Amino acid sequence: MAIKITYRRTSRLSMRIAKNGDVHVSAPIGVSQETVTDFIEKNKDWIQKARTRTLAQLEKRASFFNQLPLDTPEQREEALLRMKATIPPLIEKYAPLMKVKPGRITYQATISRWGCCHPRTHQLAFSVYLLLLPDWCIEHVVVHELTHLLVPNHSDRFYAVMDQFFPRWKEARQETRRLSNME
């Protein structure tokens, strides 16, 4: 376990646990090393509990993503074929309704995001791990990315468009987070 101390313009000492289990401490500029050390020492129990929670969450998340094996070329090809059978029909369904024209569509093994949209080029990218989700959650991600072709940010207008074309988006997002252990 590493402890990283950062001095910045803040009024109090604070800390968080990074995904790798390291402790990140933020300290006001000018606070002595002794004060920071005391702060860390007084919070040892919290640090241990938080690290345990963080690592358990990472293990749960890894077990979710490991359900889709992508180790061999055959497994990757099978996942790609399944994606090509799943995503394009949804795009064909929603793009005309939303009056958008997506560009190139790619599939990647990303675990940090389900989809990605480049509004300037109209390129869409989807995570192959969508295959681990129920169809209606996949549909939510497709509509979400198509909505970015109309509204590039997550403003109120974006969510109004989501409400119009996929009214169950909040429920789908919650289910996706629950299944993938992101909550």
N, C-alpha and C. Protein backbone atom coordinates (compact mmCIF):
# COMPACT_ATOMS: atom_id res chain seq x y z
N MET A 1 0.86 -1.18 0.00
CA MET A 1 0.00 0.00 0.00
C MET A 1 0.89 1.23 0.00
N ALA A 2 0.67 2.08 -0.97
CA ALA A 2 1.42 3.33 -1.05
C ALA A 2 0.54 4.47 -0.56
N ILE A 3 1.19 5.45 0.02
CA ILE A 3 0.48 6.65 0.47
C ILE A 3 1.02 7.81 -0.33
N LYS A 4 0.12 8.51 -1.01
CA LYS A 4 0.51 9.65 -1.82
C LYS A 4 -0.09 10.90 -1.17
N ILE A 5 0.77 11.85 -0.86
CA ILE A 5 0.33 13.09 -0.23
C ILE A 5 0.46 14.23 -1.24
N THR A 6 -0.63 14.98 -1.39
CA THR A 6 -0.64 16.11 -2.30
C THR A 6 -1.02 17.36 -1.50
N TYR A 7 -0.19 18.38 -1.61
CA TYR A 7 -0.49 19.66 -0.95
C TYR A 7 -1.20 20.55 -1.96
N ARG A 8 -2.34 21.09 -1.53
CA ARG A 8 -3.11 21.95 -2.43
C ARG A 8 -3.90 22.98 -1.64
N ARG A 9 -4.54 23.85 -2.37
CA ARG A 9 -5.36 24.88 -1.72
C ARG A 9 -6.67 24.25 -1.26
N THR A 10 -6.67 23.84 -0.04
CA THR A 10 -7.84 23.23 0.58
C THR A 10 -7.83 23.65 2.04
N SER A 11 -8.97 23.58 2.67
CA SER A 11 -9.04 24.05 4.05
C SER A 11 -8.86 22.93 5.06
N ARG A 12 -8.87 21.67 4.59
CA ARG A 12 -8.76 20.57 5.56
C ARG A 12 -8.06 19.38 4.95
N LEU A 13 -7.66 18.48 5.80
CA LEU A 13 -7.06 17.23 5.36
C LEU A 13 -8.18 16.28 4.91
N SER A 14 -7.91 15.54 3.85
CA SER A 14 -8.88 14.53 3.41
C SER A 14 -8.12 13.40 2.75
N MET A 15 -8.79 12.27 2.61
CA MET A 15 -8.14 11.14 1.94
C MET A 15 -9.18 10.30 1.23
N ARG A 16 -8.67 9.56 0.24
CA ARG A 16 -9.50 8.62 -0.49
C ARG A 16 -8.64 7.42 -0.85
N ILE A 17 -9.31 6.34 -1.17
CA ILE A 17 -8.61 5.13 -1.56
C ILE A 17 -8.72 5.01 -3.08
N ALA A 18 -7.60 4.91 -3.75
CA ALA A 18 -7.58 4.75 -5.21
C ALA A 18 -7.97 3.31 -5.56
N LYS A 19 -8.30 3.07 -6.80
CA LYS A 19 -8.73 1.74 -7.23
C LYS A 19 -7.68 0.67 -6.97
N ASN A 20 -6.41 1.05 -7.00
CA ASN A 20 -5.36 0.06 -6.76
C ASN A 20 -5.08 -0.15 -5.27
N GLY A 21 -5.83 0.52 -4.39
CA GLY A 21 -5.67 0.36 -2.95
C GLY A 21 -4.76 1.38 -2.31
N ASP A 22 -4.11 2.23 -3.11
CA ASP A 22 -3.25 3.27 -2.55
C ASP A 22 -4.10 4.32 -1.84
N VAL A 23 -3.48 4.96 -0.86
CA VAL A 23 -4.14 6.03 -0.11
C VAL A 23 -3.68 7.37 -0.67
N HIS A 24 -4.63 8.20 -1.07
CA HIS A 24 -4.32 9.54 -1.58
C HIS A 24 -4.80 10.56 -0.55
N VAL A 25 -3.84 11.29 0.00
CA VAL A 25 -4.14 12.29 1.03
C VAL A 25 -3.99 13.68 0.42
N SER A 26 -4.99 14.52 0.63
CA SER A 26 -4.91 15.93 0.22
C SER A 26 -4.73 16.75 1.49
N ALA A 27 -3.72 17.61 1.49
CA ALA A 27 -3.41 18.42 2.67
C ALA A 27 -3.31 19.88 2.28
N PRO A 28 -3.76 20.76 3.15
CA PRO A 28 -3.60 22.19 2.87
C PRO A 28 -2.12 22.56 2.78
N ILE A 29 -1.82 23.47 1.89
CA ILE A 29 -0.44 23.96 1.75
C ILE A 29 0.00 24.53 3.10
N GLY A 30 1.19 24.17 3.53
CA GLY A 30 1.72 24.70 4.78
C GLY A 30 1.51 23.80 5.99
N VAL A 31 0.70 22.76 5.87
CA VAL A 31 0.49 21.84 6.99
C VAL A 31 1.75 20.99 7.14
N SER A 32 2.16 20.77 8.37
CA SER A 32 3.40 20.03 8.62
C SER A 32 3.25 18.55 8.29
N GLN A 33 4.39 17.93 8.00
CA GLN A 33 4.43 16.50 7.73
C GLN A 33 3.92 15.72 8.95
N GLU A 34 4.24 16.21 10.13
CA GLU A 34 3.81 15.56 11.37
C GLU A 34 2.28 15.53 11.47
N THR A 35 1.63 16.65 11.11
CA THR A 35 0.17 16.72 11.15
C THR A 35 -0.44 15.73 10.17
N VAL A 36 0.15 15.63 8.99
CA VAL A 36 -0.34 14.69 7.98
C VAL A 36 -0.16 13.26 8.47
N THR A 37 1.00 12.95 9.03
CA THR A 37 1.28 11.62 9.55
C THR A 37 0.30 11.25 10.65
N ASP A 38 0.03 12.20 11.56
CA ASP A 38 -0.94 11.97 12.64
C ASP A 38 -2.33 11.68 12.06
N PHE A 39 -2.71 12.44 11.05
CA PHE A 39 -4.00 12.27 10.39
C PHE A 39 -4.12 10.85 9.81
N ILE A 40 -3.08 10.41 9.15
CA ILE A 40 -3.08 9.06 8.57
C ILE A 40 -3.15 8.01 9.67
N GLU A 41 -2.37 8.21 10.73
CA GLU A 41 -2.33 7.27 11.85
C GLU A 41 -3.70 7.15 12.54
N LYS A 42 -4.36 8.29 12.73
CA LYS A 42 -5.68 8.30 13.40
C LYS A 42 -6.75 7.62 12.55
N ASN A 43 -6.52 7.55 11.26
CA ASN A 43 -7.53 6.98 10.35
C ASN A 43 -7.14 5.61 9.81
N LYS A 44 -6.24 4.92 10.49
CA LYS A 44 -5.78 3.61 10.03
C LYS A 44 -6.93 2.61 9.88
N ASP A 45 -7.84 2.60 10.84
CA ASP A 45 -8.97 1.66 10.77
C ASP A 45 -9.83 1.96 9.54
N TRP A 46 -10.12 3.24 9.32
CA TRP A 46 -10.92 3.63 8.16
C TRP A 46 -10.21 3.23 6.87
N ILE A 47 -8.90 3.46 6.82
CA ILE A 47 -8.12 3.11 5.63
C ILE A 47 -8.23 1.62 5.34
N GLN A 48 -8.07 0.81 6.37
CA GLN A 48 -8.12 -0.64 6.18
C GLN A 48 -9.49 -1.09 5.69
N LYS A 49 -10.54 -0.56 6.31
CA LYS A 49 -11.91 -0.93 5.89
C LYS A 49 -12.19 -0.47 4.46
N ALA A 50 -11.78 0.75 4.15
CA ALA A 50 -12.03 1.30 2.82
C ALA A 50 -11.25 0.52 1.76
N ARG A 51 -10.01 0.15 2.06
CA ARG A 51 -9.21 -0.64 1.12
C ARG A 51 -9.86 -2.01 0.90
N THR A 52 -10.34 -2.62 1.95
CA THR A 52 -11.00 -3.93 1.84
C THR A 52 -12.24 -3.82 0.96
N ARG A 53 -13.04 -2.77 1.20
CA ARG A 53 -14.25 -2.55 0.38
C ARG A 53 -13.89 -2.32 -1.09
N THR A 54 -12.88 -1.49 -1.33
CA THR A 54 -12.46 -1.17 -2.69
C THR A 54 -11.97 -2.41 -3.42
N LEU A 55 -11.15 -3.20 -2.78
CA LEU A 55 -10.61 -4.40 -3.42
C LEU A 55 -11.70 -5.44 -3.66
N ALA A 56 -12.65 -5.56 -2.72
CA ALA A 56 -13.77 -6.49 -2.91
C ALA A 56 -14.63 -6.06 -4.09
N GLN A 57 -14.84 -4.76 -4.22
CA GLN A 57 -15.61 -4.23 -5.35
C GLN A 57 -14.90 -4.53 -6.67
N LEU A 58 -13.59 -4.36 -6.69
CA LEU A 58 -12.83 -4.66 -7.91
C LEU A 58 -12.90 -6.14 -8.27
N GLU A 59 -12.87 -7.00 -7.27
CA GLU A 59 -12.98 -8.44 -7.53
C GLU A 59 -14.34 -8.79 -8.09
N LYS A 60 -15.40 -8.20 -7.53
CA LYS A 60 -16.75 -8.45 -8.03
C LYS A 60 -16.87 -7.98 -9.47
N ARG A 61 -16.31 -6.82 -9.75
CA ARG A 61 -16.36 -6.26 -11.09
C ARG A 61 -15.60 -7.16 -12.08
N ALA A 62 -14.44 -7.61 -11.67
CA ALA A 62 -13.63 -8.50 -12.52
C ALA A 62 -14.38 -9.80 -12.80
N SER A 63 -15.06 -10.33 -11.79
CA SER A 63 -15.79 -11.59 -12.00
C SER A 63 -16.92 -11.39 -13.01
N PHE A 64 -17.53 -10.20 -13.04
CA PHE A 64 -18.56 -9.92 -14.03
C PHE A 64 -17.95 -9.94 -15.44
N PHE A 65 -16.90 -9.17 -15.65
CA PHE A 65 -16.31 -9.06 -16.99
C PHE A 65 -15.66 -10.37 -17.44
N ASN A 66 -15.20 -11.18 -16.50
CA ASN A 66 -14.57 -12.45 -16.86
C ASN A 66 -15.57 -13.49 -17.36
N GLN A 67 -16.87 -13.18 -17.26
CA GLN A 67 -17.90 -14.09 -17.79
C GLN A 67 -17.85 -14.17 -19.31
N LEU A 68 -17.25 -13.17 -19.94
CA LEU A 68 -17.12 -13.18 -21.40
C LEU A 68 -15.65 -13.43 -21.74
N PRO A 69 -15.30 -14.68 -22.02
CA PRO A 69 -13.90 -14.97 -22.31
C PRO A 69 -13.51 -14.40 -23.68
N LEU A 70 -12.38 -13.71 -23.70
CA LEU A 70 -11.86 -13.12 -24.94
C LEU A 70 -10.38 -13.46 -25.10
N ASP A 71 -10.01 -14.62 -24.60
CA ASP A 71 -8.59 -15.00 -24.57
C ASP A 71 -8.06 -15.51 -25.90
N THR A 72 -8.89 -16.17 -26.66
CA THR A 72 -8.42 -16.77 -27.92
C THR A 72 -9.00 -16.00 -29.11
N PRO A 73 -8.38 -16.14 -30.27
CA PRO A 73 -8.94 -15.49 -31.47
C PRO A 73 -10.37 -15.97 -31.77
N GLU A 74 -10.64 -17.24 -31.49
CA GLU A 74 -11.98 -17.78 -31.73
C GLU A 74 -13.01 -17.12 -30.82
N GLN A 75 -12.66 -16.92 -29.55
CA GLN A 75 -13.58 -16.28 -28.61
C GLN A 75 -13.83 -14.82 -29.02
N ARG A 76 -12.78 -14.14 -29.44
CA ARG A 76 -12.94 -12.75 -29.88
C ARG A 76 -13.80 -12.67 -31.13
N GLU A 77 -13.59 -13.59 -32.05
CA GLU A 77 -14.38 -13.61 -33.29
C GLU A 77 -15.85 -13.89 -32.99
N GLU A 78 -16.11 -14.83 -32.08
CA GLU A 78 -17.50 -15.14 -31.71
C GLU A 78 -18.18 -13.91 -31.08
N ALA A 79 -17.46 -13.23 -30.21
CA ALA A 79 -18.02 -12.02 -29.59
C ALA A 79 -18.30 -10.95 -30.64
N LEU A 80 -17.40 -10.79 -31.57
CA LEU A 80 -17.58 -9.81 -32.64
C LEU A 80 -18.82 -10.14 -33.48
N LEU A 81 -18.99 -11.41 -33.82
CA LEU A 81 -20.16 -11.83 -34.61
C LEU A 81 -21.45 -11.57 -33.84
N ARG A 82 -21.43 -11.86 -32.55
CA ARG A 82 -22.62 -11.59 -31.72
C ARG A 82 -22.92 -10.10 -31.66
N MET A 83 -21.87 -9.27 -31.55
CA MET A 83 -22.07 -7.81 -31.53
C MET A 83 -22.67 -7.35 -32.84
N LYS A 84 -22.16 -7.88 -33.96
CA LYS A 84 -22.66 -7.48 -35.28
C LYS A 84 -24.10 -7.93 -35.51
N ALA A 85 -24.51 -8.95 -34.78
CA ALA A 85 -25.90 -9.41 -34.87
C ALA A 85 -26.82 -8.62 -33.93
N THR A 86 -26.23 -7.95 -32.95
CA THR A 86 -27.02 -7.26 -31.92
C THR A 86 -27.13 -5.76 -32.16
N ILE A 87 -26.02 -5.09 -32.40
CA ILE A 87 -25.99 -3.63 -32.45
C ILE A 87 -26.59 -3.04 -33.73
N PRO A 88 -26.17 -3.47 -34.92
CA PRO A 88 -26.72 -2.85 -36.14
C PRO A 88 -28.25 -2.85 -36.24
N PRO A 89 -28.94 -3.94 -35.85
CA PRO A 89 -30.40 -3.87 -35.92
C PRO A 89 -30.99 -2.78 -35.00
N LEU A 90 -30.37 -2.56 -33.87
CA LEU A 90 -30.85 -1.50 -32.97
C LEU A 90 -30.59 -0.12 -33.58
N ILE A 91 -29.44 0.02 -34.21
CA ILE A 91 -29.13 1.29 -34.87
C ILE A 91 -30.10 1.53 -36.02
N GLU A 92 -30.38 0.46 -36.78
CA GLU A 92 -31.32 0.57 -37.90
C GLU A 92 -32.73 0.93 -37.40
N LYS A 93 -33.06 0.49 -36.21
CA LYS A 93 -34.37 0.81 -35.63
C LYS A 93 -34.45 2.27 -35.18
N TYR A 94 -33.42 2.72 -34.46
CA TYR A 94 -33.50 4.04 -33.82
C TYR A 94 -32.97 5.20 -34.66
N ALA A 95 -31.98 4.98 -35.49
CA ALA A 95 -31.39 6.09 -36.25
C ALA A 95 -32.42 6.84 -37.10
N PRO A 96 -33.29 6.14 -37.84
CA PRO A 96 -34.30 6.88 -38.60
C PRO A 96 -35.30 7.61 -37.72
N LEU A 97 -35.68 6.99 -36.61
CA LEU A 97 -36.62 7.64 -35.68
C LEU A 97 -36.03 8.93 -35.12
N MET A 98 -34.73 8.87 -34.83
CA MET A 98 -34.04 10.02 -34.22
C MET A 98 -33.50 10.99 -35.27
N LYS A 99 -33.60 10.59 -36.53
CA LYS A 99 -33.10 11.40 -37.65
C LYS A 99 -31.60 11.68 -37.52
N VAL A 100 -30.85 10.60 -37.25
CA VAL A 100 -29.39 10.70 -37.17
C VAL A 100 -28.77 9.68 -38.13
N LYS A 101 -27.55 9.97 -38.55
CA LYS A 101 -26.83 9.05 -39.44
C LYS A 101 -25.47 8.75 -38.80
N PRO A 102 -25.38 7.60 -38.13
CA PRO A 102 -24.08 7.25 -37.56
C PRO A 102 -23.08 6.91 -38.65
N GLY A 103 -21.81 7.14 -38.33
CA GLY A 103 -20.73 6.78 -39.26
C GLY A 103 -20.26 5.37 -38.97
N ARG A 104 -18.97 5.23 -38.92
CA ARG A 104 -18.36 3.92 -38.67
C ARG A 104 -18.72 3.41 -37.28
N ILE A 105 -18.93 2.11 -37.18
CA ILE A 105 -19.26 1.49 -35.90
C ILE A 105 -18.16 0.48 -35.59
N THR A 106 -17.58 0.60 -34.39
CA THR A 106 -16.51 -0.32 -34.00
C THR A 106 -16.88 -0.99 -32.68
N TYR A 107 -16.20 -2.09 -32.42
CA TYR A 107 -16.43 -2.87 -31.19
C TYR A 107 -15.07 -3.09 -30.52
N GLN A 108 -15.04 -2.84 -29.21
CA GLN A 108 -13.79 -2.95 -28.47
C GLN A 108 -14.05 -3.64 -27.13
N ALA A 109 -13.03 -4.21 -26.55
CA ALA A 109 -13.15 -4.86 -25.25
C ALA A 109 -12.85 -3.86 -24.14
N THR A 110 -13.69 -2.83 -24.02
CA THR A 110 -13.47 -1.81 -23.01
C THR A 110 -14.32 -2.08 -21.78
N ILE A 111 -13.73 -1.89 -20.61
CA ILE A 111 -14.49 -2.06 -19.38
C ILE A 111 -14.76 -0.73 -18.69
N SER A 112 -14.18 0.33 -19.21
CA SER A 112 -14.38 1.64 -18.58
C SER A 112 -15.64 2.34 -19.07
N ARG A 113 -16.13 1.94 -20.24
CA ARG A 113 -17.37 2.54 -20.76
C ARG A 113 -18.05 1.55 -21.70
N TRP A 114 -19.37 1.67 -21.74
CA TRP A 114 -20.17 0.76 -22.57
C TRP A 114 -20.17 1.19 -24.02
N GLY A 115 -20.11 2.48 -24.24
CA GLY A 115 -20.15 2.99 -25.60
C GLY A 115 -19.46 4.33 -25.66
N CYS A 116 -19.20 4.76 -26.88
CA CYS A 116 -18.53 6.04 -27.08
C CYS A 116 -19.01 6.61 -28.40
N CYS A 117 -19.22 7.92 -28.43
CA CYS A 117 -19.66 8.59 -29.64
C CYS A 117 -18.73 9.75 -29.92
N HIS A 118 -18.34 9.89 -31.18
CA HIS A 118 -17.56 11.03 -31.62
C HIS A 118 -18.48 11.88 -32.50
N PRO A 119 -19.13 12.88 -31.91
CA PRO A 119 -20.15 13.65 -32.65
C PRO A 119 -19.65 14.28 -33.95
N ARG A 120 -18.39 14.68 -34.00
CA ARG A 120 -17.88 15.31 -35.22
C ARG A 120 -17.82 14.33 -36.39
N THR A 121 -17.34 13.12 -36.13
CA THR A 121 -17.20 12.12 -37.19
C THR A 121 -18.39 11.17 -37.27
N HIS A 122 -19.25 11.22 -36.26
CA HIS A 122 -20.42 10.33 -36.14
C HIS A 122 -20.02 8.88 -35.94
N GLN A 123 -18.78 8.66 -35.53
CA GLN A 123 -18.31 7.30 -35.27
C GLN A 123 -18.83 6.85 -33.91
N LEU A 124 -19.28 5.60 -33.84
CA LEU A 124 -19.75 5.01 -32.60
C LEU A 124 -18.88 3.80 -32.27
N ALA A 125 -18.59 3.63 -30.99
CA ALA A 125 -17.84 2.45 -30.54
C ALA A 125 -18.62 1.83 -29.39
N PHE A 126 -18.66 0.51 -29.37
CA PHE A 126 -19.38 -0.20 -28.32
C PHE A 126 -18.49 -1.25 -27.70
N SER A 127 -18.64 -1.44 -26.41
CA SER A 127 -17.89 -2.47 -25.70
C SER A 127 -18.51 -3.83 -25.96
N VAL A 128 -17.67 -4.82 -26.26
CA VAL A 128 -18.18 -6.17 -26.46
C VAL A 128 -18.78 -6.74 -25.17
N TYR A 129 -18.43 -6.14 -24.05
CA TYR A 129 -18.98 -6.60 -22.78
C TYR A 129 -20.47 -6.28 -22.65
N LEU A 130 -21.01 -5.52 -23.60
CA LEU A 130 -22.47 -5.33 -23.64
C LEU A 130 -23.17 -6.68 -23.75
N LEU A 131 -22.50 -7.65 -24.32
CA LEU A 131 -23.08 -8.98 -24.47
C LEU A 131 -23.45 -9.63 -23.14
N LEU A 132 -22.90 -9.12 -22.05
CA LEU A 132 -23.21 -9.65 -20.73
C LEU A 132 -24.49 -9.04 -20.14
N LEU A 133 -25.06 -8.07 -20.83
CA LEU A 133 -26.23 -7.36 -20.32
C LEU A 133 -27.51 -7.85 -21.00
N PRO A 134 -28.66 -7.63 -20.35
CA PRO A 134 -29.94 -7.95 -21.00
C PRO A 134 -30.13 -7.06 -22.23
N ASP A 135 -30.94 -7.55 -23.16
CA ASP A 135 -31.16 -6.82 -24.42
C ASP A 135 -31.62 -5.39 -24.21
N TRP A 136 -32.52 -5.17 -23.26
CA TRP A 136 -33.05 -3.81 -23.06
C TRP A 136 -31.98 -2.86 -22.53
N CYS A 137 -30.99 -3.37 -21.83
CA CYS A 137 -29.88 -2.53 -21.35
C CYS A 137 -28.94 -2.20 -22.51
N ILE A 138 -28.76 -3.15 -23.41
CA ILE A 138 -27.96 -2.90 -24.62
C ILE A 138 -28.65 -1.83 -25.45
N GLU A 139 -29.96 -1.96 -25.58
CA GLU A 139 -30.75 -0.99 -26.34
C GLU A 139 -30.58 0.42 -25.76
N HIS A 140 -30.56 0.50 -24.44
CA HIS A 140 -30.35 1.79 -23.76
C HIS A 140 -29.02 2.41 -24.17
N VAL A 141 -27.96 1.61 -24.20
CA VAL A 141 -26.63 2.12 -24.55
C VAL A 141 -26.62 2.60 -26.00
N VAL A 142 -27.24 1.86 -26.88
CA VAL A 142 -27.29 2.26 -28.30
C VAL A 142 -28.02 3.60 -28.44
N VAL A 143 -29.17 3.73 -27.79
CA VAL A 143 -29.92 4.99 -27.87
C VAL A 143 -29.12 6.12 -27.24
N HIS A 144 -28.43 5.84 -26.15
CA HIS A 144 -27.60 6.84 -25.48
C HIS A 144 -26.54 7.38 -26.46
N GLU A 145 -25.84 6.48 -27.13
CA GLU A 145 -24.79 6.92 -28.06
C GLU A 145 -25.38 7.64 -29.28
N LEU A 146 -26.50 7.18 -29.78
CA LEU A 146 -27.15 7.87 -30.89
C LEU A 146 -27.62 9.26 -30.46
N THR A 147 -28.04 9.40 -29.23
CA THR A 147 -28.47 10.70 -28.71
C THR A 147 -27.31 11.68 -28.73
N HIS A 148 -26.11 11.18 -28.50
CA HIS A 148 -24.94 12.07 -28.54
C HIS A 148 -24.70 12.66 -29.94
N LEU A 149 -25.26 12.05 -30.97
CA LEU A 149 -25.17 12.64 -32.30
C LEU A 149 -26.03 13.89 -32.41
N LEU A 150 -27.03 13.98 -31.54
CA LEU A 150 -27.91 15.16 -31.49
C LEU A 150 -27.45 16.16 -30.43
N VAL A 151 -27.05 15.64 -29.29
CA VAL A 151 -26.63 16.48 -28.15
C VAL A 151 -25.32 15.89 -27.63
N PRO A 152 -24.19 16.57 -27.85
CA PRO A 152 -22.90 15.96 -27.52
C PRO A 152 -22.58 15.85 -26.02
N ASN A 153 -23.35 16.52 -25.18
CA ASN A 153 -23.07 16.49 -23.73
C ASN A 153 -24.21 15.81 -22.99
N HIS A 154 -24.12 15.83 -21.67
CA HIS A 154 -25.18 15.25 -20.83
C HIS A 154 -26.02 16.35 -20.18
N SER A 155 -26.49 17.26 -20.98
CA SER A 155 -27.30 18.37 -20.50
C SER A 155 -28.76 17.92 -20.31
N ASP A 156 -29.58 18.82 -19.83
CA ASP A 156 -31.01 18.54 -19.69
C ASP A 156 -31.61 18.17 -21.04
N ARG A 157 -31.14 18.83 -22.09
CA ARG A 157 -31.65 18.54 -23.43
C ARG A 157 -31.32 17.10 -23.84
N PHE A 158 -30.14 16.64 -23.49
CA PHE A 158 -29.75 15.25 -23.78
C PHE A 158 -30.75 14.29 -23.13
N TYR A 159 -31.02 14.51 -21.85
CA TYR A 159 -31.92 13.59 -21.14
C TYR A 159 -33.36 13.72 -21.62
N ALA A 160 -33.74 14.88 -22.13
CA ALA A 160 -35.07 15.04 -22.72
C ALA A 160 -35.18 14.17 -23.98
N VAL A 161 -34.12 14.13 -24.77
CA VAL A 161 -34.11 13.28 -25.97
C VAL A 161 -34.15 11.81 -25.55
N MET A 162 -33.39 11.45 -24.53
CA MET A 162 -33.42 10.08 -24.02
C MET A 162 -34.84 9.72 -23.56
N ASP A 163 -35.49 10.64 -22.84
CA ASP A 163 -36.86 10.40 -22.38
C ASP A 163 -37.80 10.15 -23.57
N GLN A 164 -37.57 10.86 -24.63
CA GLN A 164 -38.42 10.74 -25.81
C GLN A 164 -38.26 9.39 -26.50
N PHE A 165 -37.02 8.94 -26.67
CA PHE A 165 -36.78 7.73 -27.46
C PHE A 165 -36.57 6.46 -26.65
N PHE A 166 -36.21 6.58 -25.37
CA PHE A 166 -36.05 5.41 -24.52
C PHE A 166 -36.43 5.80 -23.09
N PRO A 167 -37.73 5.89 -22.81
CA PRO A 167 -38.20 6.38 -21.52
C PRO A 167 -37.69 5.60 -20.30
N ARG A 168 -37.30 4.34 -20.49
CA ARG A 168 -36.82 3.52 -19.36
C ARG A 168 -35.32 3.64 -19.16
N TRP A 169 -34.70 4.71 -19.66
CA TRP A 169 -33.24 4.82 -19.61
C TRP A 169 -32.70 4.81 -18.20
N LYS A 170 -33.40 5.46 -17.25
CA LYS A 170 -32.90 5.49 -15.87
C LYS A 170 -32.88 4.09 -15.27
N GLU A 171 -33.95 3.37 -15.52
CA GLU A 171 -34.06 2.00 -15.02
C GLU A 171 -32.99 1.10 -15.66
N ALA A 172 -32.78 1.28 -16.96
CA ALA A 172 -31.77 0.48 -17.67
C ALA A 172 -30.37 0.81 -17.15
N ARG A 173 -30.10 2.09 -16.94
CA ARG A 173 -28.78 2.48 -16.42
C ARG A 173 -28.55 1.88 -15.04
N GLN A 174 -29.58 1.92 -14.20
CA GLN A 174 -29.46 1.36 -12.85
C GLN A 174 -29.22 -0.15 -12.91
N GLU A 175 -29.94 -0.84 -13.77
CA GLU A 175 -29.77 -2.29 -13.91
C GLU A 175 -28.38 -2.63 -14.44
N THR A 176 -27.90 -1.85 -15.40
CA THR A 176 -26.56 -2.07 -15.95
C THR A 176 -25.51 -1.90 -14.85
N ARG A 177 -25.65 -0.87 -14.06
CA ARG A 177 -24.69 -0.63 -12.97
C ARG A 177 -24.76 -1.74 -11.93
N ARG A 178 -25.97 -2.20 -11.64
CA ARG A 178 -26.13 -3.27 -10.65
C ARG A 178 -25.46 -4.56 -11.15
N LEU A 179 -25.74 -4.93 -12.38
CA LEU A 179 -25.20 -6.16 -12.94
C LEU A 179 -23.68 -6.13 -13.04
N SER A 180 -23.14 -5.00 -13.40
CA SER A 180 -21.68 -4.90 -13.61
C SER A 180 -20.94 -4.50 -12.34
N ASN A 181 -21.67 -4.44 -11.22
CA ASN A 181 -21.07 -4.11 -9.92
C ASN A 181 -20.42 -2.74 -9.91
N MET A 182 -21.04 -1.79 -10.60
CA MET A 182 -20.50 -0.42 -10.63
C MET A 182 -21.12 0.42 -9.53
N GLU A 183 -22.04 -0.14 -8.78
CA GLU A 183 -22.66 0.62 -7.69
C GLU A 183 -22.03 0.27 -6.38
